[in-house]
PDB file of all heavy atoms in Angstrom:
ATOM      1  N   GLU A   1     122.051 116.389  70.877  1.00  0.00           N
ATOM      2  CA  GLU A   1     121.050 115.347  70.713  1.00  0.00           C
ATOM      3  C   GLU A   1     121.211 114.294  71.795  1.00  0.00           C
ATOM      4  O   GLU A   1     122.312 113.890  72.141  1.00  0.00           O
ATOM      5  CB  GLU A   1     121.202 114.699  69.330  1.00  0.00           C
ATOM      6  CG  GLU A   1     120.889 115.663  68.182  1.00  0.00           C
ATOM      7  CD  GLU A   1     120.958 114.960  66.841  1.00  0.00           C
ATOM      8  OE1 GLU A   1     121.191 113.736  66.829  1.00  0.00           O
ATOM      9  OE2 GLU A   1     120.779 115.633  65.817  1.00  0.00           O
ATOM     10  N   ASN A   2     120.070 113.812  72.299  1.00  0.00           N
ATOM     11  CA  ASN A   2     120.101 112.772  73.313  1.00  0.00           C
ATOM     12  C   ASN A   2     120.244 111.414  72.658  1.00  0.00           C
ATOM     13  O   ASN A   2     119.776 111.176  71.536  1.00  0.00           O
ATOM     14  CB  ASN A   2     118.816 112.794  74.148  1.00  0.00           C
ATOM     15  CG  ASN A   2     118.723 114.040  75.007  1.00  0.00           C
ATOM     16  OD1 ASN A   2     119.733 114.532  75.475  1.00  0.00           O
ATOM     17  ND2 ASN A   2     117.512 114.547  75.186  1.00  0.00           N
ATOM     18  N   SER A   3     120.906 110.507  73.358  1.00  0.00           N
ATOM     19  CA  SER A   3     121.051 109.145  72.868  1.00  0.00           C
ATOM     20  C   SER A   3     119.828 108.346  73.289  1.00  0.00           C
ATOM     21  O   SER A   3     119.468 108.308  74.464  1.00  0.00           O
ATOM     22  CB  SER A   3     122.316 108.508  73.445  1.00  0.00           C
ATOM     23  OG  SER A   3     122.304 107.119  73.232  1.00  0.00           O
ATOM     24  N   LEU A   4     119.161 107.711  72.318  1.00  0.00           N
ATOM     25  CA  LEU A   4     117.974 106.919  72.620  1.00  0.00           C
ATOM     26  C   LEU A   4     118.295 105.805  73.601  1.00  0.00           C
ATOM     27  O   LEU A   4     117.569 105.570  74.569  1.00  0.00           O
ATOM     28  CB  LEU A   4     117.398 106.340  71.318  1.00  0.00           C
ATOM     29  CG  LEU A   4     116.185 105.401  71.484  1.00  0.00           C
ATOM     30  CD1 LEU A   4     115.024 106.152  72.124  1.00  0.00           C
ATOM     31  CD2 LEU A   4     115.768 104.845  70.121  1.00  0.00           C
ATOM     32  N   LEU A   5     119.418 105.113  73.362  1.00  0.00           N
ATOM     33  CA  LEU A   5     119.784 103.993  74.226  1.00  0.00           C
ATOM     34  C   LEU A   5     120.031 104.455  75.660  1.00  0.00           C
ATOM     35  O   LEU A   5     119.562 103.825  76.613  1.00  0.00           O
ATOM     36  CB  LEU A   5     121.030 103.294  73.680  1.00  0.00           C
ATOM     37  CG  LEU A   5     121.509 102.060  74.459  1.00  0.00           C
ATOM     38  CD1 LEU A   5     120.431 100.996  74.507  1.00  0.00           C
ATOM     39  CD2 LEU A   5     122.786 101.508  73.841  1.00  0.00           C
ATOM     40  N   SER A   6     120.765 105.567  75.828  1.00  0.00           N
ATOM     41  CA  SER A   6     121.065 106.036  77.178  1.00  0.00           C
ATOM     42  C   SER A   6     119.801 106.510  77.885  1.00  0.00           C
ATOM     43  O   SER A   6     119.648 106.332  79.098  1.00  0.00           O
ATOM     44  CB  SER A   6     122.105 107.158  77.146  1.00  0.00           C
ATOM     45  OG  SER A   6     121.606 108.301  76.497  1.00  0.00           O
ATOM     46  N   ASP A   7     118.861 107.117  77.145  1.00  0.00           N
ATOM     47  CA  ASP A   7     117.606 107.559  77.764  1.00  0.00           C
ATOM     48  C   ASP A   7     116.813 106.366  78.279  1.00  0.00           C
ATOM     49  O   ASP A   7     116.270 106.387  79.391  1.00  0.00           O
ATOM     50  CB  ASP A   7     116.760 108.335  76.752  1.00  0.00           C
ATOM     51  CG  ASP A   7     117.313 109.735  76.498  1.00  0.00           C
ATOM     52  OD1 ASP A   7     118.191 110.160  77.269  1.00  0.00           O
ATOM     53  OD2 ASP A   7     116.870 110.374  75.535  1.00  0.00           O
ATOM     54  N   ILE A   8     116.712 105.312  77.459  1.00  0.00           N
ATOM     55  CA  ILE A   8     115.986 104.102  77.871  1.00  0.00           C
ATOM     56  C   ILE A   8     116.677 103.459  79.068  1.00  0.00           C
ATOM     57  O   ILE A   8     116.038 103.043  80.044  1.00  0.00           O
ATOM     58  CB  ILE A   8     115.887 103.107  76.697  1.00  0.00           C
ATOM     59  CG1 ILE A   8     115.066 103.713  75.554  1.00  0.00           C
ATOM     60  CG2 ILE A   8     115.269 101.788  77.161  1.00  0.00           C
ATOM     61  CD1 ILE A   8     115.064 102.885  74.288  1.00  0.00           C
ATOM     62  N   PHE A   9     118.011 103.386  78.996  1.00  0.00           N
ATOM     63  CA  PHE A   9     118.792 102.747  80.065  1.00  0.00           C
ATOM     64  C   PHE A   9     118.610 103.491  81.390  1.00  0.00           C
ATOM     65  O   PHE A   9     118.368 102.880  82.435  1.00  0.00           O
ATOM     66  CB  PHE A   9     120.263 102.732  79.654  1.00  0.00           C
ATOM     67  CG  PHE A   9     121.178 102.076  80.652  1.00  0.00           C
ATOM     68  CD1 PHE A   9     121.074 100.730  80.935  1.00  0.00           C
ATOM     69  CD2 PHE A   9     122.149 102.813  81.306  1.00  0.00           C
ATOM     70  CE1 PHE A   9     121.920 100.128  81.852  1.00  0.00           C
ATOM     71  CE2 PHE A   9     122.988 102.229  82.225  1.00  0.00           C
ATOM     72  CZ  PHE A   9     122.872 100.871  82.490  1.00  0.00           C
ATOM     73  N   ARG A  10     118.689 104.821  81.361  1.00  0.00           N
ATOM     74  CA  ARG A  10     118.564 105.598  82.591  1.00  0.00           C
ATOM     75  C   ARG A  10     117.145 105.534  83.159  1.00  0.00           C
ATOM     76  O   ARG A  10     116.958 105.595  84.369  1.00  0.00           O
ATOM     77  CB  ARG A  10     118.980 107.040  82.341  1.00  0.00           C
ATOM     78  CG  ARG A  10     120.496 107.192  82.235  1.00  0.00           C
ATOM     79  CD  ARG A  10     120.929 108.547  81.777  1.00  0.00           C
ATOM     80  NE  ARG A  10     122.386 108.667  81.826  1.00  0.00           N
ATOM     81  CZ  ARG A  10     123.110 109.363  80.973  1.00  0.00           C
ATOM     82  NH1 ARG A  10     122.507 110.001  79.973  1.00  0.00           N
ATOM     83  NH2 ARG A  10     124.420 109.428  81.082  1.00  0.00           N
ATOM     84  N   ALA A  11     116.160 105.416  82.288  1.00  0.00           N
ATOM     85  CA  ALA A  11     114.784 105.270  82.771  1.00  0.00           C
ATOM     86  C   ALA A  11     114.623 103.962  83.546  1.00  0.00           C
ATOM     87  O   ALA A  11     113.909 103.899  84.556  1.00  0.00           O
ATOM     88  CB  ALA A  11     113.809 105.306  81.595  1.00  0.00           C
ATOM     89  N   GLN A  12     115.294 102.921  83.073  1.00  0.00           N
ATOM     90  CA  GLN A  12     115.256 101.637  83.781  1.00  0.00           C
ATOM     91  C   GLN A  12     116.038 101.717  85.092  1.00  0.00           C
ATOM     92  O   GLN A  12     115.614 101.166  86.115  1.00  0.00           O
ATOM     93  CB  GLN A  12     115.827 100.525  82.894  1.00  0.00           C
ATOM     94  CG  GLN A  12     114.992 100.214  81.665  1.00  0.00           C
ATOM     95  CD  GLN A  12     113.611  99.701  82.025  1.00  0.00           C
ATOM     96  OE1 GLN A  12     113.462  98.871  82.921  1.00  0.00           O
ATOM     97  NE2 GLN A  12     112.595 100.220  81.349  1.00  0.00           N
ATOM     98  N   LEU A  13     117.180 102.401  85.072  1.00  0.00           N
ATOM     99  CA  LEU A  13     117.999 102.523  86.279  1.00  0.00           C
ATOM    100  C   LEU A  13     117.250 103.246  87.395  1.00  0.00           C
ATOM    101  O   LEU A  13     117.431 102.940  88.578  1.00  0.00           O
ATOM    102  CB  LEU A  13     119.289 103.289  85.969  1.00  0.00           C
ATOM    103  CG  LEU A  13     120.350 102.566  85.143  1.00  0.00           C
ATOM    104  CD1 LEU A  13     121.557 103.477  84.941  1.00  0.00           C
ATOM    105  CD2 LEU A  13     120.785 101.269  85.795  1.00  0.00           C
ATOM    106  N   ALA A  14     116.434 104.211  87.024  1.00  0.00           N
ATOM    107  CA  ALA A  14     115.708 104.991  88.028  1.00  0.00           C
ATOM    108  C   ALA A  14     114.799 104.123  88.885  1.00  0.00           C
ATOM    109  O   ALA A  14     114.433 104.504  90.001  1.00  0.00           O
ATOM    110  CB  ALA A  14     114.892 106.084  87.344  1.00  0.00           C
ATOM    111  N   LYS A  15     114.447 102.937  88.385  1.00  0.00           N
ATOM    112  CA  LYS A  15     113.568 102.035  89.126  1.00  0.00           C
ATOM    113  C   LYS A  15     114.348 101.096  90.036  1.00  0.00           C
ATOM    114  O   LYS A  15     113.754 100.345  90.811  1.00  0.00           O
ATOM    115  CB  LYS A  15     112.742 101.198  88.143  1.00  0.00           C
ATOM    116  CG  LYS A  15     111.917 102.030  87.166  1.00  0.00           C
ATOM    117  CD  LYS A  15     111.241 101.134  86.142  1.00  0.00           C
ATOM    118  CE  LYS A  15     110.500 101.963  85.099  1.00  0.00           C
ATOM    119  NZ  LYS A  15     109.879 101.102  84.053  1.00  0.00           N
ATOM    120  N   MET A  16     115.685 101.126  89.936  1.00  0.00           N
ATOM    121  CA  MET A  16     116.514 100.179  90.679  1.00  0.00           C
ATOM    122  C   MET A  16     116.998 100.775  91.993  1.00  0.00           C
ATOM    123  O   MET A  16     116.675 101.909  92.343  1.00  0.00           O
ATOM    124  CB  MET A  16     117.698  99.753  89.809  1.00  0.00           C
ATOM    125  CG  MET A  16     117.316  99.023  88.548  1.00  0.00           C
ATOM    126  SD  MET A  16     118.771  98.479  87.608  1.00  0.00           S
ATOM    127  CE  MET A  16     117.980  97.679  86.208  1.00  0.00           C
ATOM    128  N   ASP A  17     117.809  99.987  92.747  1.00  0.00           N
ATOM    129  CA  ASP A  17     118.309 100.447  94.037  1.00  0.00           C
ATOM    130  C   ASP A  17     119.431 101.463  93.847  1.00  0.00           C
ATOM    131  O   ASP A  17     119.852 101.760  92.729  1.00  0.00           O
ATOM    132  CB  ASP A  17     118.777  99.275  94.912  1.00  0.00           C
ATOM    133  CG  ASP A  17     119.935  98.495  94.294  1.00  0.00           C
ATOM    134  OD1 ASP A  17     120.660  99.073  93.452  1.00  0.00           O
ATOM    135  OD2 ASP A  17     120.125  97.323  94.650  1.00  0.00           O
ATOM    136  N   TYR A  18     119.932 101.998  94.954  1.00  0.00           N
ATOM    137  CA  TYR A  18     120.901 103.097  94.918  1.00  0.00           C
ATOM    138  C   TYR A  18     122.134 102.752  94.098  1.00  0.00           C
ATOM    139  O   TYR A  18     122.584 103.536  93.262  1.00  0.00           O
ATOM    140  CB  TYR A  18     121.310 103.466  96.347  1.00  0.00           C
ATOM    141  CG  TYR A  18     122.398 104.503  96.417  1.00  0.00           C
ATOM    142  CD1 TYR A  18     122.110 105.856  96.224  1.00  0.00           C
ATOM    143  CD2 TYR A  18     123.715 104.130  96.667  1.00  0.00           C
ATOM    144  CE1 TYR A  18     123.108 106.810  96.280  1.00  0.00           C
ATOM    145  CE2 TYR A  18     124.719 105.089  96.720  1.00  0.00           C
ATOM    146  CZ  TYR A  18     124.407 106.423  96.525  1.00  0.00           C
ATOM    147  OH  TYR A  18     125.399 107.360  96.574  1.00  0.00           O
ATOM    148  N   ASN A  19     122.707 101.563  94.310  1.00  0.00           N
ATOM    149  CA  ASN A  19     123.958 101.210  93.645  1.00  0.00           C
ATOM    150  C   ASN A  19     123.786 100.987  92.159  1.00  0.00           C
ATOM    151  O   ASN A  19     124.684 101.266  91.364  1.00  0.00           O
ATOM    152  CB  ASN A  19     124.561  99.957  94.295  1.00  0.00           C
ATOM    153  CG  ASN A  19     125.131 100.259  95.662  1.00  0.00           C
ATOM    154  OD1 ASN A  19     125.821 101.242  95.846  1.00  0.00           O
ATOM    155  ND2 ASN A  19     124.825  99.415  96.639  1.00  0.00           N
ATOM    156  N   ASN A  20     122.632 100.490  91.744  1.00  0.00           N
ATOM    157  CA  ASN A  20     122.415 100.248  90.325  1.00  0.00           C
ATOM    158  C   ASN A  20     122.152 101.527  89.546  1.00  0.00           C
ATOM    159  O   ASN A  20     122.562 101.658  88.402  1.00  0.00           O
ATOM    160  CB  ASN A  20     121.233  99.281  90.141  1.00  0.00           C
ATOM    161  CG  ASN A  20     121.676  97.831  90.153  1.00  0.00           C
ATOM    162  OD1 ASN A  20     122.606  97.459  89.454  1.00  0.00           O
ATOM    163  ND2 ASN A  20     121.017  97.018  90.952  1.00  0.00           N
ATOM    164  N   LYS A  21     121.449 102.466  90.170  1.00  0.00           N
ATOM    165  CA  LYS A  21     121.085 103.680  89.436  1.00  0.00           C
ATOM    166  C   LYS A  21     122.101 104.807  89.611  1.00  0.00           C
ATOM    167  O   LYS A  21     121.976 105.860  89.002  1.00  0.00           O
ATOM    168  CB  LYS A  21     119.705 104.163  89.865  1.00  0.00           C
ATOM    169  CG  LYS A  21     119.620 104.720  91.281  1.00  0.00           C
ATOM    170  CD  LYS A  21     118.186 105.132  91.613  1.00  0.00           C
ATOM    171  CE  LYS A  21     118.079 105.712  93.014  1.00  0.00           C
ATOM    172  NZ  LYS A  21     116.699 106.079  93.353  1.00  0.00           N
ATOM    173  N   ASN A  22     123.113 104.580  90.436  1.00  0.00           N
ATOM    174  CA  ASN A  22     124.067 105.634  90.754  1.00  0.00           C
ATOM    175  C   ASN A  22     125.156 105.724  89.697  1.00  0.00           C
ATOM    176  O   ASN A  22     126.044 104.881  89.629  1.00  0.00           O
ATOM    177  CB  ASN A  22     124.685 105.358  92.128  1.00  0.00           C
ATOM    178  CG  ASN A  22     125.487 106.539  92.622  1.00  0.00           C
ATOM    179  OD1 ASN A  22     125.201 107.679  92.286  1.00  0.00           O
ATOM    180  ND2 ASN A  22     126.499 106.253  93.423  1.00  0.00           N
ATOM    181  N   GLU A  23     125.091 106.733  88.842  1.00  0.00           N
ATOM    182  CA  GLU A  23     126.131 106.930  87.830  1.00  0.00           C
ATOM    183  C   GLU A  23     127.324 107.663  88.435  1.00  0.00           C
ATOM    184  O   GLU A  23     127.204 108.361  89.439  1.00  0.00           O
ATOM    185  CB  GLU A  23     125.585 107.741  86.656  1.00  0.00           C
ATOM    186  CG  GLU A  23     124.587 106.984  85.798  1.00  0.00           C
ATOM    187  CD  GLU A  23     124.289 107.714  84.500  1.00  0.00           C
ATOM    188  OE1 GLU A  23     125.242 108.027  83.751  1.00  0.00           O
ATOM    189  OE2 GLU A  23     123.108 107.983  84.238  1.00  0.00           O
ATOM    190  N   ALA A  24     128.467 107.506  87.793  1.00  0.00           N
ATOM    191  CA  ALA A  24     129.687 108.148  88.279  1.00  0.00           C
ATOM    192  C   ALA A  24     129.545 109.664  88.252  1.00  0.00           C
ATOM    193  O   ALA A  24     128.979 110.240  87.315  1.00  0.00           O
ATOM    194  CB  ALA A  24     130.877 107.717  87.428  1.00  0.00           C
ATOM    195  N   GLN A  25     130.042 110.311  89.305  1.00  0.00           N
ATOM    196  CA  GLN A  25     130.062 111.763  89.386  1.00  0.00           C
ATOM    197  C   GLN A  25     131.500 112.232  89.547  1.00  0.00           C
ATOM    198  O   GLN A  25     132.370 111.457  89.951  1.00  0.00           O
ATOM    199  CB  GLN A  25     129.228 112.243  90.581  1.00  0.00           C
ATOM    200  CG  GLN A  25     127.730 112.095  90.412  1.00  0.00           C
ATOM    201  CD  GLN A  25     126.982 112.799  91.529  1.00  0.00           C
ATOM    202  OE1 GLN A  25     127.336 112.688  92.697  1.00  0.00           O
ATOM    203  NE2 GLN A  25     125.943 113.540  91.179  1.00  0.00           N
ATOM    204  N   PRO A  26     131.765 113.493  89.250  1.00  0.00           N
ATOM    205  CA  PRO A  26     133.120 114.013  89.480  1.00  0.00           C
ATOM    206  C   PRO A  26     133.515 113.871  90.944  1.00  0.00           C
ATOM    207  O   PRO A  26     132.674 113.943  91.844  1.00  0.00           O
ATOM    208  CB  PRO A  26     132.992 115.491  89.077  1.00  0.00           C
ATOM    209  CG  PRO A  26     131.825 115.551  88.160  1.00  0.00           C
ATOM    210  CD  PRO A  26     130.875 114.505  88.646  1.00  0.00           C
ATOM    211  N   ASP A  27     134.803 113.665  91.171  1.00  0.00           N
ATOM    212  CA  ASP A  27     135.304 113.583  92.541  1.00  0.00           C
ATOM    213  C   ASP A  27     135.160 114.929  93.237  1.00  0.00           C
ATOM    214  O   ASP A  27     135.206 115.988  92.607  1.00  0.00           O
ATOM    215  CB  ASP A  27     136.787 113.183  92.553  1.00  0.00           C
ATOM    216  CG  ASP A  27     136.998 111.751  92.099  1.00  0.00           C
ATOM    217  OD1 ASP A  27     136.031 110.976  92.136  1.00  0.00           O
ATOM    218  OD2 ASP A  27     138.132 111.417  91.712  1.00  0.00           O
ATOM    219  N   ILE A  28     135.006 114.863  94.547  1.00  0.00           N
ATOM    220  CA  ILE A  28     134.989 116.057  95.376  1.00  0.00           C
ATOM    221  C   ILE A  28     136.136 115.949  96.378  1.00  0.00           C
ATOM    222  O   ILE A  28     136.313 114.915  97.023  1.00  0.00           O
ATOM    223  CB  ILE A  28     133.646 116.213  96.117  1.00  0.00           C
ATOM    224  CG1 ILE A  28     132.554 116.611  95.139  1.00  0.00           C
ATOM    225  CG2 ILE A  28     133.748 117.246  97.239  1.00  0.00           C
ATOM    226  CD1 ILE A  28     132.741 117.983  94.502  1.00  0.00           C
ATOM    227  N   GLY A  29     136.920 117.016  96.499  1.00  0.00           N
ATOM    228  CA  GLY A  29     138.038 117.019  97.430  1.00  0.00           C
ATOM    229  C   GLY A  29     137.639 117.587  98.786  1.00  0.00           C
ATOM    230  O   GLY A  29     136.824 118.513  98.862  1.00  0.00           O
ATOM    231  N   TYR A  30     138.227 117.026  99.831  1.00  0.00           N
ATOM    232  CA  TYR A  30     137.980 117.498 101.192  1.00  0.00           C
ATOM    233  C   TYR A  30     139.284 118.054 101.764  1.00  0.00           C
ATOM    234  O   TYR A  30     140.241 117.303 101.975  1.00  0.00           O
ATOM    235  CB  TYR A  30     137.443 116.366 102.068  1.00  0.00           C
ATOM    236  CG  TYR A  30     136.102 115.856 101.586  1.00  0.00           C
ATOM    237  CD1 TYR A  30     135.995 114.638 100.910  1.00  0.00           C
ATOM    238  CD2 TYR A  30     134.945 116.595 101.786  1.00  0.00           C
ATOM    239  CE1 TYR A  30     134.778 114.180 100.456  1.00  0.00           C
ATOM    240  CE2 TYR A  30     133.717 116.155 101.336  1.00  0.00           C
ATOM    241  CZ  TYR A  30     133.633 114.937 100.671  1.00  0.00           C
ATOM    242  OH  TYR A  30     132.418 114.495 100.212  1.00  0.00           O
TER     243      TYR A  30
END
């Protein structure tokens, strides 16, 4: 099940700049 709060929050983030809408991702090793 999706969280209502997280869905609303992410919809708002999508309208913001790169740093605001950028959620944490797994690290990548080089």
